[in-house]
């Protein structure tokens, strides 16, 4: 069956239920499939194509539910959008987007989604693979995510959201296109289990944790196994000052900050982190004040790093800008120089096979505390 529409392809609303099998939908000016007002649909096979500059392949809102299986979505804008306390189950889906801000999947506003065996390719700027935000929760299993554009993260979490990724690959090629990103209101949680992340663009970190908020709280990232390889960025970044590289109109306001953020980063399960630096932790960024002048703002905060179970940071570690960092290194290794500067303080505890192979350097009123214990613990 084929549906060609100059408006919405299929709309289901008002507690209605729909089942579509091997239907090919083309929408010209709106969403391919639109669910709202507590409606639901099961879609198996077929294709959904949208050519609108602001249309979604699939739009699910207002406590509705979608089950998608074996479907290909081609969208000029966004692939699948799940919002308004709605639910989604996606299996074996292929999503391709082409326009700016063309997310593959967005889960938002306290919605939930379970996504398995998905392929996502985004091909423009600010086009994230999977975006989870505003208290939403999502689990993604065995994804194949590719982004090719400026500021196009593979996965992204913000505003008290939770995302778990199990297995699969995430690859980005654009400038400042992180493999995984986290920002804005604290209370976010990102878990990566056995995921392979590669980034090849300038300033593109494998994982980027930023603390842009007027609120205080905690953000947490768990990396359990897998590999992170950043060719031209940091393996993991916490509050890296990327703003000097942006067009002047894109500088954030100083008033956007002010909250004190605690960043917890746990690396376990034999995970391997590499990059231009394996790890960068800072707190000073470039912003605009109320008069529009460029200023350097120290947003402060603390970071807690645990590296355990045979995991490795392969590359230098940079800690700066008055942050306070604790490092728990257990049966794992830092292979590279550790430099602490600009009034930062670091307390390192190494135990049971921990290895630090590199120079430890502190300057500019910074401080390094080091405690080694247990068997086969080495500092070279």
Protein backbone atom coordinates (compact mmCIF):
# COMPACT_ATOMS: atom_id res chain seq x y z
CA UNK A 1 0.00 0.00 0.00
CA UNK A 2 1.23 3.51 -0.84
CA UNK A 3 0.12 6.83 0.67
CA UNK A 4 1.17 10.11 -0.97
CA UNK A 5 0.07 13.29 0.81
CA UNK A 6 0.82 16.99 0.43
CA UNK A 7 0.09 17.34 4.16
CA UNK A 8 0.32 14.66 6.89
CA UNK A 9 0.73 11.15 5.65
CA UNK A 10 -1.21 9.36 8.43
CA UNK A 11 -2.72 10.95 11.54
CA UNK A 12 -4.05 8.97 14.51
CA UNK A 13 -5.51 10.86 17.49
CA UNK A 14 -8.05 10.80 20.30
CA UNK A 15 -7.28 7.38 21.91
CA UNK A 16 -7.49 5.68 18.52
CA UNK A 17 -5.31 2.68 17.58
CA UNK A 18 -3.77 1.94 14.22
CA UNK A 19 -1.85 -0.94 12.61
CA UNK A 20 0.20 -0.42 9.46
CA UNK A 21 1.93 -3.30 7.65
CA UNK A 22 4.31 -2.70 4.73
CA UNK A 23 2.86 0.73 4.00
CA UNK A 24 4.94 3.29 2.08
CA UNK A 25 4.10 6.81 3.26
CA UNK A 26 5.23 10.07 1.64
CA UNK A 27 4.38 13.42 3.23
CA UNK A 28 4.94 16.76 1.54
CA UNK A 29 4.49 19.46 4.19
CA UNK A 30 4.00 17.83 7.59
CA UNK A 31 4.80 14.62 9.49
CA UNK A 32 4.74 11.24 7.81
CA UNK A 33 3.00 9.57 10.76
CA UNK A 34 1.48 11.72 13.53
CA UNK A 35 0.15 10.27 16.82
CA UNK A 36 -1.41 12.48 19.50
CA UNK A 37 -3.89 12.60 22.39
CA UNK A 38 -3.32 9.12 23.87
CA UNK A 39 -3.41 7.32 20.53
CA UNK A 40 -1.22 4.35 19.57
CA UNK A 41 0.09 2.59 16.50
CA UNK A 42 2.03 -0.50 15.47
CA UNK A 43 4.02 -0.15 12.25
CA UNK A 44 5.77 -3.13 10.65
CA UNK A 45 7.75 -2.85 7.44
CA UNK A 46 7.46 -0.18 4.80
CA UNK A 47 8.94 3.31 4.47
CA UNK A 48 8.16 6.80 5.74
CA UNK A 49 9.43 9.76 3.72
CA UNK A 50 9.01 13.44 4.52
CA UNK A 51 10.14 16.33 2.35
CA UNK A 52 9.07 19.18 4.65
CA UNK A 53 11.68 21.49 6.17
CA UNK A 54 10.08 21.07 9.59
CA UNK A 55 8.27 17.74 9.40
CA UNK A 56 9.08 14.57 11.33
CA UNK A 57 9.06 11.12 9.86
CA UNK A 58 7.21 9.96 12.98
CA UNK A 59 5.79 12.39 15.58
CA UNK A 60 4.42 10.93 18.84
CA UNK A 61 2.96 13.31 21.45
CA UNK A 62 0.51 13.77 24.32
CA UNK A 63 0.76 10.40 26.05
CA UNK A 64 0.69 8.37 22.86
CA UNK A 65 2.61 5.19 22.02
CA UNK A 66 4.42 3.85 18.97
CA UNK A 67 5.86 0.46 18.05
CA UNK A 68 8.07 0.55 14.94
CA UNK A 69 9.72 -2.51 13.42
CA UNK A 70 11.61 -3.02 10.14
CA UNK A 71 10.87 0.51 8.92
CA UNK A 72 13.02 2.93 6.91
CA UNK A 73 12.56 6.64 7.65
CA UNK A 74 13.90 9.28 5.23
CA UNK A 75 13.33 12.79 6.51
CA UNK A 76 14.45 16.21 5.35
CA UNK A 77 14.11 17.26 8.99
CA UNK A 78 13.87 14.82 11.93
CA UNK A 79 13.35 11.10 11.96
CA UNK A 80 11.37 10.08 15.09
CA UNK A 81 10.19 12.52 17.79
CA UNK A 82 8.64 11.15 21.02
CA UNK A 83 7.31 13.85 23.36
CA UNK A 84 4.74 14.66 26.02
CA UNK A 85 5.03 11.61 28.30
CA UNK A 86 4.72 9.26 25.34
CA UNK A 87 6.37 5.87 24.77
CA UNK A 88 8.23 4.30 21.90
CA UNK A 89 9.62 0.87 21.01
CA UNK A 90 11.81 0.86 17.90
CA UNK A 91 13.37 -2.28 16.43
CA UNK A 92 15.49 -2.63 13.28
CA UNK A 93 14.88 0.92 12.07
CA UNK A 94 16.93 2.77 9.45
CA UNK A 95 16.79 6.59 9.76
CA UNK A 96 18.37 9.12 7.39
CA UNK A 97 18.03 12.90 7.88
CA UNK A 98 19.37 15.72 5.71
CA UNK A 99 18.52 19.16 7.16
CA UNK A 100 20.00 21.32 9.93
CA UNK A 101 18.87 20.13 13.40
CA UNK A 102 17.75 16.90 11.80
CA UNK A 103 17.97 14.56 14.80
CA UNK A 104 17.64 10.88 14.12
CA UNK A 105 15.59 10.20 17.27
CA UNK A 106 14.52 12.71 19.94
CA UNK A 107 12.94 11.59 23.24
CA UNK A 108 11.72 14.54 25.29
CA UNK A 109 9.38 15.76 28.06
CA UNK A 110 9.29 12.74 30.40
CA UNK A 111 8.83 10.29 27.55
CA UNK A 112 10.44 6.84 27.42
CA UNK A 113 11.87 4.79 24.57
CA UNK A 114 13.51 1.43 23.97
CA UNK A 115 15.48 1.35 20.73
CA UNK A 116 17.23 -1.73 19.32
CA UNK A 117 19.31 -2.48 16.21
CA UNK A 118 18.88 0.99 14.79
CA UNK A 119 20.86 2.63 12.01
CA UNK A 120 21.00 6.43 12.01
CA UNK A 121 22.78 8.70 9.52
CA UNK A 122 22.46 12.49 9.89
CA UNK A 123 23.95 14.71 7.21
CA UNK A 124 23.85 18.33 8.33
CA UNK A 125 24.80 20.67 11.18
CA UNK A 126 23.38 20.37 14.72
CA UNK A 127 21.92 17.02 13.70
CA UNK A 128 22.37 14.63 16.61
CA UNK A 129 21.89 10.90 16.25
CA UNK A 130 19.89 10.38 19.47
CA UNK A 131 18.79 13.29 21.68
CA UNK A 132 17.30 12.62 25.13
CA UNK A 133 16.23 15.60 27.24
CA UNK A 134 13.78 17.16 29.66
CA UNK A 135 13.46 14.25 32.12
CA UNK A 136 13.10 11.65 29.37
CA UNK A 137 14.55 8.13 29.63
CA UNK A 138 15.84 6.01 26.75
CA UNK A 139 17.72 2.75 26.22
CA UNK A 140 19.52 2.14 22.93
CA UNK A 141 20.79 -1.35 22.09
CA UNK A 142 23.34 -2.14 19.37
CA UNK A 143 23.08 1.12 17.44
CA UNK A 144 25.00 2.12 14.31
CA UNK A 145 25.06 5.92 14.51
CA UNK A 146 26.90 8.16 12.05
CA UNK A 147 26.78 11.97 11.97
CA UNK A 148 28.40 14.24 9.40
CA UNK A 149 28.03 17.91 10.31
CA UNK A 150 29.13 20.71 12.63
CA UNK A 151 28.06 20.23 16.27
CA UNK A 152 26.34 16.94 15.51
CA UNK A 153 26.85 14.65 18.49
CA UNK A 154 26.23 10.95 18.16
CA UNK A 155 24.13 10.85 21.37
CA UNK A 156 23.23 13.73 23.67
CA UNK A 157 21.67 14.06 27.12
CA UNK A 158 20.42 17.26 28.77
CA UNK A 159 18.04 18.62 31.40
CA UNK A 160 17.65 15.75 33.91
CA UNK A 161 17.54 13.03 31.27
CA UNK A 162 18.81 9.44 31.35
CA UNK A 163 20.30 7.46 28.45
CA UNK A 164 21.80 3.97 28.38
CA UNK A 165 23.61 2.68 25.29
CA UNK A 166 24.45 -1.02 25.12
CA UNK A 167 26.98 -2.09 22.50
CA UNK A 168 27.10 -0.81 18.96
CA UNK A 169 29.08 2.00 17.34
CA UNK A 170 28.96 5.80 17.26
CA UNK A 171 31.04 7.68 14.66
CA UNK A 172 31.15 11.45 14.06
CA UNK A 173 33.16 13.41 11.50
CA UNK A 174 32.25 17.07 12.05
CA UNK A 175 33.88 19.92 13.97
CA UNK A 176 32.87 19.82 17.66
CA UNK A 177 30.72 16.76 16.99
CA UNK A 178 31.26 14.70 20.13
CA UNK A 179 30.53 11.02 20.24
CA UNK A 180 28.43 11.56 23.38
CA UNK A 181 27.50 14.89 24.96
CA UNK A 182 25.88 16.17 28.16
CA UNK A 183 24.86 19.73 29.08
CA UNK A 184 22.46 22.20 30.68
CA UNK A 185 20.43 21.43 33.80
CA UNK A 186 22.24 18.94 36.08
CA UNK A 187 20.82 15.56 37.06
CA UNK A 188 21.71 13.87 33.77
CA UNK A 189 22.92 10.27 33.60
CA UNK A 190 24.65 8.60 30.66
CA UNK A 191 25.72 4.93 30.66
CA UNK A 192 27.82 3.44 27.87
CA UNK A 193 28.21 -0.36 28.02
CA UNK A 194 30.67 -1.79 25.53
CA UNK A 195 30.20 1.01 23.00
CA UNK A 196 32.79 1.89 20.37
CA UNK A 197 33.04 5.66 19.82
CA UNK A 198 35.21 7.30 17.16
CA UNK A 199 35.43 11.02 16.33
CA UNK A 200 37.54 12.53 13.56
CA UNK A 201 36.54 16.22 13.55
CA UNK A 202 38.43 19.10 15.13
CA UNK A 203 37.50 19.74 18.80
CA UNK A 204 35.34 16.61 18.77
CA UNK A 205 35.69 14.70 22.02
CA UNK A 206 34.66 11.12 22.53
CA UNK A 207 32.57 12.24 25.53
CA UNK A 208 31.88 15.88 26.42
CA UNK A 209 30.45 16.92 29.80
CA UNK A 210 29.55 20.61 30.06
CA UNK A 211 28.07 22.50 33.00
CA UNK A 212 26.01 25.27 31.43
CA UNK A 213 23.29 25.91 33.99
CA UNK A 214 22.12 28.39 36.58
CA UNK A 215 21.22 25.42 38.79
CA UNK A 216 23.44 23.25 41.00
CA UNK A 217 23.52 19.47 40.97
CA UNK A 218 25.28 16.34 39.72
CA UNK A 219 25.90 14.85 36.29
CA UNK A 220 27.10 11.25 35.94
CA UNK A 221 28.72 9.25 33.13
CA UNK A 222 29.43 5.52 33.35
CA UNK A 223 31.74 3.93 30.76
CA UNK A 224 31.76 0.16 31.14
CA UNK A 225 34.08 -1.48 28.61
CA UNK A 226 34.30 -0.44 24.99
CA UNK A 227 36.66 2.03 23.34
CA UNK A 228 36.72 5.78 22.84
CA UNK A 229 39.01 7.18 20.13
CA UNK A 230 39.10 10.91 19.42
CA UNK A 231 41.48 11.75 16.57
CA UNK A 232 41.53 15.57 17.00
CA UNK A 233 39.75 16.11 20.31
CA UNK A 234 39.97 14.84 23.85
CA UNK A 235 38.98 11.32 24.71
CA UNK A 236 36.82 12.80 27.49
CA UNK A 237 36.28 16.53 28.14
CA UNK A 238 34.74 18.24 31.15
CA UNK A 239 34.04 21.94 30.58
CA UNK A 240 36.47 22.48 27.72
CA UNK A 241 36.51 26.09 26.51
CA UNK A 242 35.46 25.61 22.89
CA UNK A 243 33.68 28.98 22.61
CA UNK A 244 36.62 31.00 21.24
CA UNK A 245 36.33 28.93 18.08
CA UNK A 246 32.70 29.85 17.44
CA UNK A 247 31.29 32.77 15.43
CA UNK A 248 30.97 35.78 17.74
CA UNK A 249 27.19 35.73 17.70
CA UNK A 250 27.15 32.25 19.20
CA UNK A 251 28.84 33.08 22.49
CA UNK A 252 26.60 32.19 25.45
CA UNK A 253 25.71 34.77 28.08
CA UNK A 254 27.46 34.88 31.42
CA UNK A 255 23.98 34.78 33.00
CA UNK A 256 23.47 31.30 31.54
CA UNK A 257 25.84 29.99 34.22
CA UNK A 258 26.12 30.20 37.99
CA UNK A 259 25.17 26.71 39.17
CA UNK A 260 27.81 24.58 40.87
CA UNK A 261 28.02 21.25 39.07
CA UNK A 262 29.55 18.03 40.37
CA UNK A 263 30.65 15.75 37.53
CA UNK A 264 31.02 12.05 38.30
CA UNK A 265 32.88 9.94 35.75
CA UNK A 266 33.26 6.17 36.25
CA UNK A 267 35.37 4.16 33.79
CA UNK A 268 35.34 0.38 34.33
CA UNK A 269 35.28 -2.98 32.60
CA UNK A 270 38.54 -2.62 30.67
CA UNK A 271 37.47 0.50 28.80
CA UNK A 272 40.18 2.19 26.71
CA UNK A 273 40.17 5.99 26.24
CA UNK A 274 42.44 7.72 23.71
CA UNK A 275 42.56 11.18 22.19
CA UNK A 276 44.66 14.30 21.64
CA UNK A 277 44.44 14.23 25.44
CA UNK A 278 42.91 11.21 27.08
CA UNK A 279 41.15 13.47 29.62
CA UNK A 280 40.64 17.23 29.98
CA UNK A 281 38.95 18.84 33.02
CA UNK A 282 38.57 22.62 33.26
CA UNK A 283 36.14 25.32 34.36
CA UNK A 284 36.98 28.59 32.59
CA UNK A 285 35.01 29.45 29.45
CA UNK A 286 34.52 32.42 27.16
CA UNK A 287 31.11 34.12 27.38
CA UNK A 288 29.42 37.48 26.81
CA UNK A 289 28.55 39.77 29.70
CA UNK A 290 25.34 41.80 29.86
CA UNK A 291 26.89 44.50 27.64
CA UNK A 292 27.93 41.96 25.02
CA UNK A 293 31.64 42.05 25.82
CA UNK A 294 33.65 38.85 25.70
CA UNK A 295 34.82 37.77 29.16
CA UNK A 296 36.37 34.69 30.73
CA UNK A 297 34.10 33.14 33.31
CA UNK A 298 35.18 30.56 35.90
CA UNK A 299 32.17 28.30 36.45
CA UNK A 300 33.97 26.23 39.11
CA UNK A 301 32.62 22.85 40.17
CA UNK A 302 34.15 19.53 41.17
CA UNK A 303 34.87 16.29 39.35
CA UNK A 304 35.20 12.74 40.68
CA UNK A 305 36.98 10.22 38.46
CA UNK A 306 37.08 6.46 39.03
CA UNK A 307 39.15 4.25 36.71
CA UNK A 308 38.92 0.55 37.57
CA UNK A 309 38.86 -3.08 36.40
CA UNK A 310 41.70 -2.95 33.90
CA UNK A 311 40.66 0.27 32.17
CA UNK A 312 43.16 2.65 30.59
CA UNK A 313 43.60 6.34 29.82
CA UNK A 314 46.10 6.28 26.96
CA UNK A 315 47.27 9.87 26.60
CA UNK A 316 47.88 13.00 28.63
CA UNK A 317 45.56 14.20 31.38
CA UNK A 318 44.99 17.98 31.72
CA UNK A 319 43.35 19.41 34.85
CA UNK A 320 43.12 23.20 35.23
CA UNK A 321 41.11 26.30 36.12
CA UNK A 322 40.63 26.01 39.89
CA UNK A 323 38.59 22.80 39.74
CA UNK A 324 38.83 20.22 42.52
CA UNK A 325 39.28 16.67 41.22
CA UNK A 326 39.49 13.31 42.99
CA UNK A 327 40.91 10.32 41.12
CA UNK A 328 40.46 6.71 42.27
CA UNK A 329 42.73 4.48 40.18
CA UNK A 330 42.22 0.76 40.85
CA UNK A 331 43.82 -2.03 38.75
CA UNK A 332 43.95 0.42 35.85
CA UNK A 333 46.41 2.74 34.12
CA UNK A 334 47.11 6.31 33.11
CA UNK A 335 49.74 6.15 30.36
CA UNK A 336 50.69 9.76 29.75
CA UNK A 337 51.64 12.99 31.50
CA UNK A 338 49.35 14.51 34.14
CA UNK A 339 49.46 18.31 34.25
CA UNK A 340 47.62 20.33 36.90
CA UNK A 341 47.57 24.12 36.59
CA UNK A 342 45.77 27.40 37.27
CA UNK A 343 44.92 26.73 40.94
CA UNK A 344 43.38 23.32 40.30
CA UNK A 345 43.69 20.66 43.00
CA UNK A 346 43.91 16.92 42.43
CA UNK A 347 43.89 14.04 44.89
CA UNK A 348 44.91 10.68 43.40
CA UNK A 349 44.54 7.32 45.13
CA UNK A 350 46.15 4.36 43.35
CA UNK A 351 45.60 0.78 44.54
CA UNK A 352 45.86 -2.91 43.55
CA UNK A 353 47.72 -2.83 40.27
CA UNK A 354 47.25 0.84 39.46
CA UNK A 355 49.83 2.29 37.06
CA UNK A 356 50.75 5.89 36.30
CA UNK A 357 53.37 6.06 33.58
CA UNK A 358 54.25 9.68 32.84
CA UNK A 359 55.25 12.98 34.35
CA UNK A 360 53.21 14.61 37.13
CA UNK A 361 53.46 18.39 36.86
CA UNK A 362 51.81 21.04 39.02
CA UNK A 363 52.10 24.80 38.52
CA UNK A 364 50.35 28.14 39.03
CA UNK A 365 49.16 27.55 42.61
CA UNK A 366 47.90 24.07 41.83
CA UNK A 367 48.29 21.00 44.06
CA UNK A 368 48.65 17.26 43.55
CA UNK A 369 48.07 14.72 46.31
CA UNK A 370 49.12 11.11 45.63
CA UNK A 371 48.49 7.97 47.70
CA UNK A 372 49.62 4.51 46.48
CA UNK A 373 48.63 1.27 48.18
CA UNK A 374 48.03 -2.44 47.54
CA UNK A 375 50.07 -4.82 45.40
CA UNK A 376 51.71 -4.13 42.01
CA UNK A 377 50.97 -0.41 42.18
CA UNK A 378 53.52 1.58 40.17
CA UNK A 379 54.47 5.17 39.40
CA UNK A 380 57.05 5.55 36.63
